[in-house]
PDB file of all heavy atoms in Angstrom:
ATOM      1  N   VAL A   1      10.649   2.575  -2.498  1.00  0.00           N
ATOM      2  CA  VAL A   1      10.852   1.191  -2.915  1.00  0.00           C
ATOM      3  C   VAL A   1       9.902   0.279  -2.148  1.00  0.00           C
ATOM      4  O   VAL A   1       9.584   0.524  -0.978  1.00  0.00           O
ATOM      5  CB  VAL A   1      12.314   0.724  -2.735  1.00  0.00           C
ATOM      6  CG1 VAL A   1      13.274   1.600  -3.523  1.00  0.00           C
ATOM      7  CG2 VAL A   1      12.708   0.664  -1.273  1.00  0.00           C
ATOM      8  N   SER A   2       9.465  -0.774  -2.799  1.00  0.00           N
ATOM      9  CA  SER A   2       8.522  -1.713  -2.188  1.00  0.00           C
ATOM     10  C   SER A   2       9.259  -2.671  -1.264  1.00  0.00           C
ATOM     11  O   SER A   2      10.405  -3.053  -1.518  1.00  0.00           O
ATOM     12  CB  SER A   2       7.783  -2.495  -3.273  1.00  0.00           C
ATOM     13  OG  SER A   2       8.714  -3.114  -4.151  1.00  0.00           O
ATOM     14  N   LEU A   3       8.596  -3.067  -0.173  1.00  0.00           N
ATOM     15  CA  LEU A   3       9.227  -3.971   0.774  1.00  0.00           C
ATOM     16  C   LEU A   3       8.185  -4.813   1.498  1.00  0.00           C
ATOM     17  O   LEU A   3       7.007  -4.459   1.545  1.00  0.00           O
ATOM     18  CB  LEU A   3      10.096  -3.200   1.777  1.00  0.00           C
ATOM     19  CG  LEU A   3       9.438  -2.154   2.682  1.00  0.00           C
ATOM     20  CD1 LEU A   3       8.852  -2.764   3.943  1.00  0.00           C
ATOM     21  CD2 LEU A   3      10.439  -1.064   3.045  1.00  0.00           C
ATOM     22  N   ARG A   4       8.656  -5.915   2.068  1.00  0.00           N
ATOM     23  CA  ARG A   4       7.855  -6.750   2.950  1.00  0.00           C
ATOM     24  C   ARG A   4       8.708  -7.097   4.167  1.00  0.00           C
ATOM     25  O   ARG A   4       9.939  -7.158   4.090  1.00  0.00           O
ATOM     26  CB  ARG A   4       7.411  -8.052   2.272  1.00  0.00           C
ATOM     27  CG  ARG A   4       6.491  -7.873   1.087  1.00  0.00           C
ATOM     28  CD  ARG A   4       5.097  -7.415   1.501  1.00  0.00           C
ATOM     29  NE  ARG A   4       4.218  -7.362   0.346  1.00  0.00           N
ATOM     30  CZ  ARG A   4       4.066  -6.297  -0.433  1.00  0.00           C
ATOM     31  NH1 ARG A   4       4.758  -5.183  -0.178  1.00  0.00           N
ATOM     32  NH2 ARG A   4       3.249  -6.334  -1.466  1.00  0.00           N
ATOM     33  N   VAL A   5       8.025  -7.376   5.283  1.00  0.00           N
ATOM     34  CA  VAL A   5       8.707  -7.721   6.529  1.00  0.00           C
ATOM     35  C   VAL A   5       8.158  -9.036   7.058  1.00  0.00           C
ATOM     36  O   VAL A   5       6.940  -9.197   7.216  1.00  0.00           O
ATOM     37  CB  VAL A   5       8.535  -6.612   7.587  1.00  0.00           C
ATOM     38  CG1 VAL A   5       9.069  -7.066   8.936  1.00  0.00           C
ATOM     39  CG2 VAL A   5       9.238  -5.337   7.133  1.00  0.00           C
ATOM     40  N   VAL A   6       9.075  -9.973   7.320  1.00  0.00           N
ATOM     41  CA  VAL A   6       8.747 -11.274   7.909  1.00  0.00           C
ATOM     42  C   VAL A   6       9.476 -11.355   9.243  1.00  0.00           C
ATOM     43  O   VAL A   6      10.707 -11.257   9.288  1.00  0.00           O
ATOM     44  CB  VAL A   6       9.207 -12.431   6.997  1.00  0.00           C
ATOM     45  CG1 VAL A   6       8.768 -13.773   7.577  1.00  0.00           C
ATOM     46  CG2 VAL A   6       8.702 -12.255   5.572  1.00  0.00           C
ATOM     47  N   LEU A   7       8.738 -11.514  10.341  1.00  0.00           N
ATOM     48  CA  LEU A   7       9.341 -11.530  11.668  1.00  0.00           C
ATOM     49  C   LEU A   7       8.976 -12.799  12.431  1.00  0.00           C
ATOM     50  O   LEU A   7       7.871 -13.324  12.264  1.00  0.00           O
ATOM     51  CB  LEU A   7       8.867 -10.329  12.499  1.00  0.00           C
ATOM     52  CG  LEU A   7       9.297  -8.933  12.078  1.00  0.00           C
ATOM     53  CD1 LEU A   7       8.752  -7.913  13.069  1.00  0.00           C
ATOM     54  CD2 LEU A   7      10.806  -8.820  11.973  1.00  0.00           C
ATOM     55  N   PRO A   8       9.874 -13.266  13.297  1.00  0.00           N
ATOM     56  CA  PRO A   8       9.492 -14.340  14.221  1.00  0.00           C
ATOM     57  C   PRO A   8       8.529 -13.826  15.283  1.00  0.00           C
ATOM     58  O   PRO A   8       8.577 -12.654  15.668  1.00  0.00           O
ATOM     59  CB  PRO A   8      10.828 -14.772  14.849  1.00  0.00           C
ATOM     60  CG  PRO A   8      11.713 -13.581  14.712  1.00  0.00           C
ATOM     61  CD  PRO A   8      11.285 -12.866  13.461  1.00  0.00           C
ATOM     62  N   GLU A   9       7.666 -14.700  15.742  1.00  0.00           N
ATOM     63  CA  GLU A   9       6.706 -14.330  16.783  1.00  0.00           C
ATOM     64  C   GLU A   9       7.424 -14.066  18.102  1.00  0.00           C
ATOM     65  O   GLU A   9       8.407 -14.737  18.442  1.00  0.00           O
ATOM     66  CB  GLU A   9       5.690 -15.456  16.974  1.00  0.00           C
ATOM     67  CG  GLU A   9       4.606 -15.134  17.974  1.00  0.00           C
ATOM     68  CD  GLU A   9       3.548 -16.229  18.054  1.00  0.00           C
ATOM     69  OE1 GLU A   9       3.912 -17.415  17.909  1.00  0.00           O
ATOM     70  OE2 GLU A   9       2.383 -15.898  18.277  1.00  0.00           O
ATOM     71  N   VAL A  10       6.935 -13.077  18.839  1.00  0.00           N
ATOM     72  CA  VAL A  10       7.482 -12.735  20.149  1.00  0.00           C
ATOM     73  C   VAL A  10       6.349 -12.856  21.170  1.00  0.00           C
ATOM     74  O   VAL A  10       5.538 -11.936  21.301  1.00  0.00           O
ATOM     75  CB  VAL A  10       8.059 -11.308  20.164  1.00  0.00           C
ATOM     76  CG1 VAL A  10       8.721 -11.026  21.514  1.00  0.00           C
ATOM     77  CG2 VAL A  10       9.043 -11.107  19.031  1.00  0.00           C
ATOM     78  N   PRO A  11       6.259 -13.963  21.875  1.00  0.00           N
ATOM     79  CA  PRO A  11       5.153 -14.128  22.831  1.00  0.00           C
ATOM     80  C   PRO A  11       5.091 -12.982  23.829  1.00  0.00           C
ATOM     81  O   PRO A  11       6.116 -12.506  24.325  1.00  0.00           O
ATOM     82  CB  PRO A  11       5.497 -15.457  23.526  1.00  0.00           C
ATOM     83  CG  PRO A  11       6.313 -16.194  22.516  1.00  0.00           C
ATOM     84  CD  PRO A  11       7.125 -15.142  21.815  1.00  0.00           C
ATOM     85  N   ASP A  12       3.870 -12.521  24.099  1.00  0.00           N
ATOM     86  CA  ASP A  12       3.597 -11.461  25.072  1.00  0.00           C
ATOM     87  C   ASP A  12       4.085 -10.086  24.637  1.00  0.00           C
ATOM     88  O   ASP A  12       3.963  -9.121  25.378  1.00  0.00           O
ATOM     89  CB  ASP A  12       4.197 -11.791  26.450  1.00  0.00           C
ATOM     90  CG  ASP A  12       3.649 -13.087  27.003  1.00  0.00           C
ATOM     91  OD1 ASP A  12       2.443 -13.343  26.800  1.00  0.00           O
ATOM     92  OD2 ASP A  12       4.421 -13.842  27.612  1.00  0.00           O
ATOM     93  N   ARG A  13       4.653  -9.977  23.433  1.00  0.00           N
ATOM     94  CA  ARG A  13       5.095  -8.657  22.988  1.00  0.00           C
ATOM     95  C   ARG A  13       4.658  -8.374  21.554  1.00  0.00           C
ATOM     96  O   ARG A  13       4.171  -7.304  21.255  1.00  0.00           O
ATOM     97  CB  ARG A  13       6.612  -8.525  23.125  1.00  0.00           C
ATOM     98  CG  ARG A  13       7.068  -7.090  23.080  1.00  0.00           C
ATOM     99  CD  ARG A  13       8.448  -6.923  23.663  1.00  0.00           C
ATOM    100  NE  ARG A  13       8.516  -7.268  25.076  1.00  0.00           N
ATOM    101  CZ  ARG A  13       9.632  -7.240  25.782  1.00  0.00           C
ATOM    102  NH1 ARG A  13      10.763  -6.919  25.204  1.00  0.00           N
ATOM    103  NH2 ARG A  13       9.614  -7.550  27.057  1.00  0.00           N
ATOM    104  N   MET A  14       4.854  -9.334  20.678  1.00  0.00           N
ATOM    105  CA  MET A  14       4.306  -9.224  19.327  1.00  0.00           C
ATOM    106  C   MET A  14       4.002 -10.639  18.854  1.00  0.00           C
ATOM    107  O   MET A  14       4.901 -11.376  18.457  1.00  0.00           O
ATOM    108  CB  MET A  14       5.257  -8.542  18.361  1.00  0.00           C
ATOM    109  CG  MET A  14       4.623  -8.311  16.995  1.00  0.00           C
ATOM    110  SD  MET A  14       5.628  -7.302  15.914  1.00  0.00           S
ATOM    111  CE  MET A  14       7.074  -8.352  15.756  1.00  0.00           C
ATOM    112  N   ASP A  15       2.760 -11.019  18.956  1.00  0.00           N
ATOM    113  CA  ASP A  15       2.381 -12.379  18.619  1.00  0.00           C
ATOM    114  C   ASP A  15       1.170 -12.352  17.697  1.00  0.00           C
ATOM    115  O   ASP A  15       0.762 -11.304  17.212  1.00  0.00           O
ATOM    116  CB  ASP A  15       2.101 -13.194  19.884  1.00  0.00           C
ATOM    117  CG  ASP A  15       1.131 -12.496  20.822  1.00  0.00           C
ATOM    118  OD1 ASP A  15       0.285 -11.716  20.337  1.00  0.00           O
ATOM    119  OD2 ASP A  15       1.219 -12.728  22.038  1.00  0.00           O
ATOM    120  N   ARG A  16       0.616 -13.523  17.465  1.00  0.00           N
ATOM    121  CA  ARG A  16      -0.493 -13.626  16.515  1.00  0.00           C
ATOM    122  C   ARG A  16      -1.717 -12.825  16.958  1.00  0.00           C
ATOM    123  O   ARG A  16      -2.540 -12.448  16.139  1.00  0.00           O
ATOM    124  CB  ARG A  16      -0.868 -15.096  16.328  1.00  0.00           C
ATOM    125  CG  ARG A  16       0.046 -15.842  15.388  1.00  0.00           C
ATOM    126  CD  ARG A  16      -0.063 -17.346  15.562  1.00  0.00           C
ATOM    127  NE  ARG A  16       0.692 -17.786  16.724  1.00  0.00           N
ATOM    128  CZ  ARG A  16       0.731 -19.041  17.154  1.00  0.00           C
ATOM    129  NH1 ARG A  16       0.024 -19.961  16.528  1.00  0.00           N
ATOM    130  NH2 ARG A  16       1.446 -19.366  18.207  1.00  0.00           N
ATOM    131  N   GLU A  17      -1.840 -12.555  18.230  1.00  0.00           N
ATOM    132  CA  GLU A  17      -2.988 -11.798  18.724  1.00  0.00           C
ATOM    133  C   GLU A  17      -2.766 -10.285  18.632  1.00  0.00           C
ATOM    134  O   GLU A  17      -3.708  -9.521  18.485  1.00  0.00           O
ATOM    135  CB  GLU A  17      -3.298 -12.180  20.172  1.00  0.00           C
ATOM    136  CG  GLU A  17      -3.966 -13.535  20.338  1.00  0.00           C
ATOM    137  CD  GLU A  17      -3.054 -14.705  20.005  1.00  0.00           C
ATOM    138  OE1 GLU A  17      -1.866 -14.658  20.403  1.00  0.00           O
ATOM    139  OE2 GLU A  17      -3.515 -15.646  19.336  1.00  0.00           O
ATOM    140  N   SER A  18      -1.517  -9.846  18.732  1.00  0.00           N
ATOM    141  CA  SER A  18      -1.265  -8.403  18.842  1.00  0.00           C
ATOM    142  C   SER A  18      -0.644  -7.781  17.595  1.00  0.00           C
ATOM    143  O   SER A  18      -0.658  -6.558  17.449  1.00  0.00           O
ATOM    144  CB  SER A  18      -0.335  -8.138  20.035  1.00  0.00           C
ATOM    145  OG  SER A  18       0.931  -8.748  19.831  1.00  0.00           O
ATOM    146  N   VAL A  19      -0.072  -8.566  16.685  1.00  0.00           N
ATOM    147  CA  VAL A  19       0.637  -8.005  15.540  1.00  0.00           C
ATOM    148  C   VAL A  19      -0.325  -7.280  14.603  1.00  0.00           C
ATOM    149  O   VAL A  19      -1.486  -7.663  14.439  1.00  0.00           O
ATOM    150  CB  VAL A  19       1.391  -9.117  14.779  1.00  0.00           C
ATOM    151  CG1 VAL A  19       0.418 -10.109  14.137  1.00  0.00           C
ATOM    152  CG2 VAL A  19       2.325  -8.527  13.731  1.00  0.00           C
ATOM    153  N   THR A  20       0.165  -6.195  13.997  1.00  0.00           N
ATOM    154  CA  THR A  20      -0.601  -5.459  12.989  1.00  0.00           C
ATOM    155  C   THR A  20       0.309  -5.212  11.787  1.00  0.00           C
ATOM    156  O   THR A  20       1.526  -5.463  11.825  1.00  0.00           O
ATOM    157  CB  THR A  20      -1.091  -4.099  13.524  1.00  0.00           C
ATOM    158  OG1 THR A  20       0.028  -3.195  13.606  1.00  0.00           O
ATOM    159  CG2 THR A  20      -1.752  -4.246  14.891  1.00  0.00           C
ATOM    160  N   LEU A  21      -0.266  -4.674  10.727  1.00  0.00           N
ATOM    161  CA  LEU A  21       0.517  -4.367   9.539  1.00  0.00           C
ATOM    162  C   LEU A  21       1.513  -3.243   9.784  1.00  0.00           C
ATOM    163  O   LEU A  21       2.393  -3.004   8.960  1.00  0.00           O
ATOM    164  CB  LEU A  21      -0.411  -4.009   8.373  1.00  0.00           C
ATOM    165  CG  LEU A  21      -1.098  -5.197   7.695  1.00  0.00           C
ATOM    166  CD1 LEU A  21      -2.134  -4.714   6.695  1.00  0.00           C
ATOM    167  CD2 LEU A  21      -0.067  -6.096   7.002  1.00  0.00           C
ATOM    168  N   GLU A  22       1.406  -2.538  10.894  1.00  0.00           N
ATOM    169  CA  GLU A  22       2.421  -1.547  11.251  1.00  0.00           C
ATOM    170  C   GLU A  22       3.680  -2.214  11.792  1.00  0.00           C
ATOM    171  O   GLU A  22       4.718  -1.560  11.931  1.00  0.00           O
ATOM    172  CB  GLU A  22       1.863  -0.571  12.281  1.00  0.00           C
ATOM    173  CG  GLU A  22       0.747   0.312  11.746  1.00  0.00           C
ATOM    174  CD  GLU A  22       0.238   1.286  12.783  1.00  0.00           C
ATOM    175  OE1 GLU A  22       0.614   1.132  13.967  1.00  0.00           O
ATOM    176  OE2 GLU A  22      -0.532   2.184  12.421  1.00  0.00           O
ATOM    177  N   ASP A  23       3.583  -3.500  12.119  1.00  0.00           N
ATOM    178  CA  ASP A  23       4.729  -4.248  12.637  1.00  0.00           C
ATOM    179  C   ASP A  23       5.391  -5.099  11.563  1.00  0.00           C
ATOM    180  O   ASP A  23       6.618  -5.105  11.423  1.00  0.00           O
ATOM    181  CB  ASP A  23       4.285  -5.177  13.779  1.00  0.00           C
ATOM    182  CG  ASP A  23       3.673  -4.437  14.940  1.00  0.00           C
ATOM    183  OD1 ASP A  23       4.305  -3.485  15.422  1.00  0.00           O
ATOM    184  OD2 ASP A  23       2.553  -4.797  15.353  1.00  0.00           O
ATOM    185  N   ALA A  24       4.592  -5.871  10.831  1.00  0.00           N
ATOM    186  CA  ALA A  24       5.129  -6.853   9.888  1.00  0.00           C
ATOM    187  C   ALA A  24       4.035  -7.265   8.914  1.00  0.00           C
ATOM    188  O   ALA A  24       2.848  -7.011   9.132  1.00  0.00           O
ATOM    189  CB  ALA A  24       5.653  -8.075  10.638  1.00  0.00           C
ATOM    190  N   ASP A  25       4.469  -7.900   7.821  1.00  0.00           N
ATOM    191  CA  ASP A  25       3.525  -8.463   6.856  1.00  0.00           C
ATOM    192  C   ASP A  25       3.263  -9.940   7.112  1.00  0.00           C
ATOM    193  O   ASP A  25       2.178 -10.456   6.823  1.00  0.00           O
ATOM    194  CB  ASP A  25       4.063  -8.275   5.436  1.00  0.00           C
ATOM    195  CG  ASP A  25       4.227  -6.813   5.092  1.00  0.00           C
ATOM    196  OD1 ASP A  25       3.217  -6.115   4.936  1.00  0.00           O
ATOM    197  OD2 ASP A  25       5.400  -6.359   4.997  1.00  0.00           O
TER     198      ASP A  25
END
């Protein structure tokens, strides 16, 4: 089944600099 993931930013752990498509869309 098709899906998308929307997550809040997590500074120093998953943010705009470190996030990849393996984490979220």
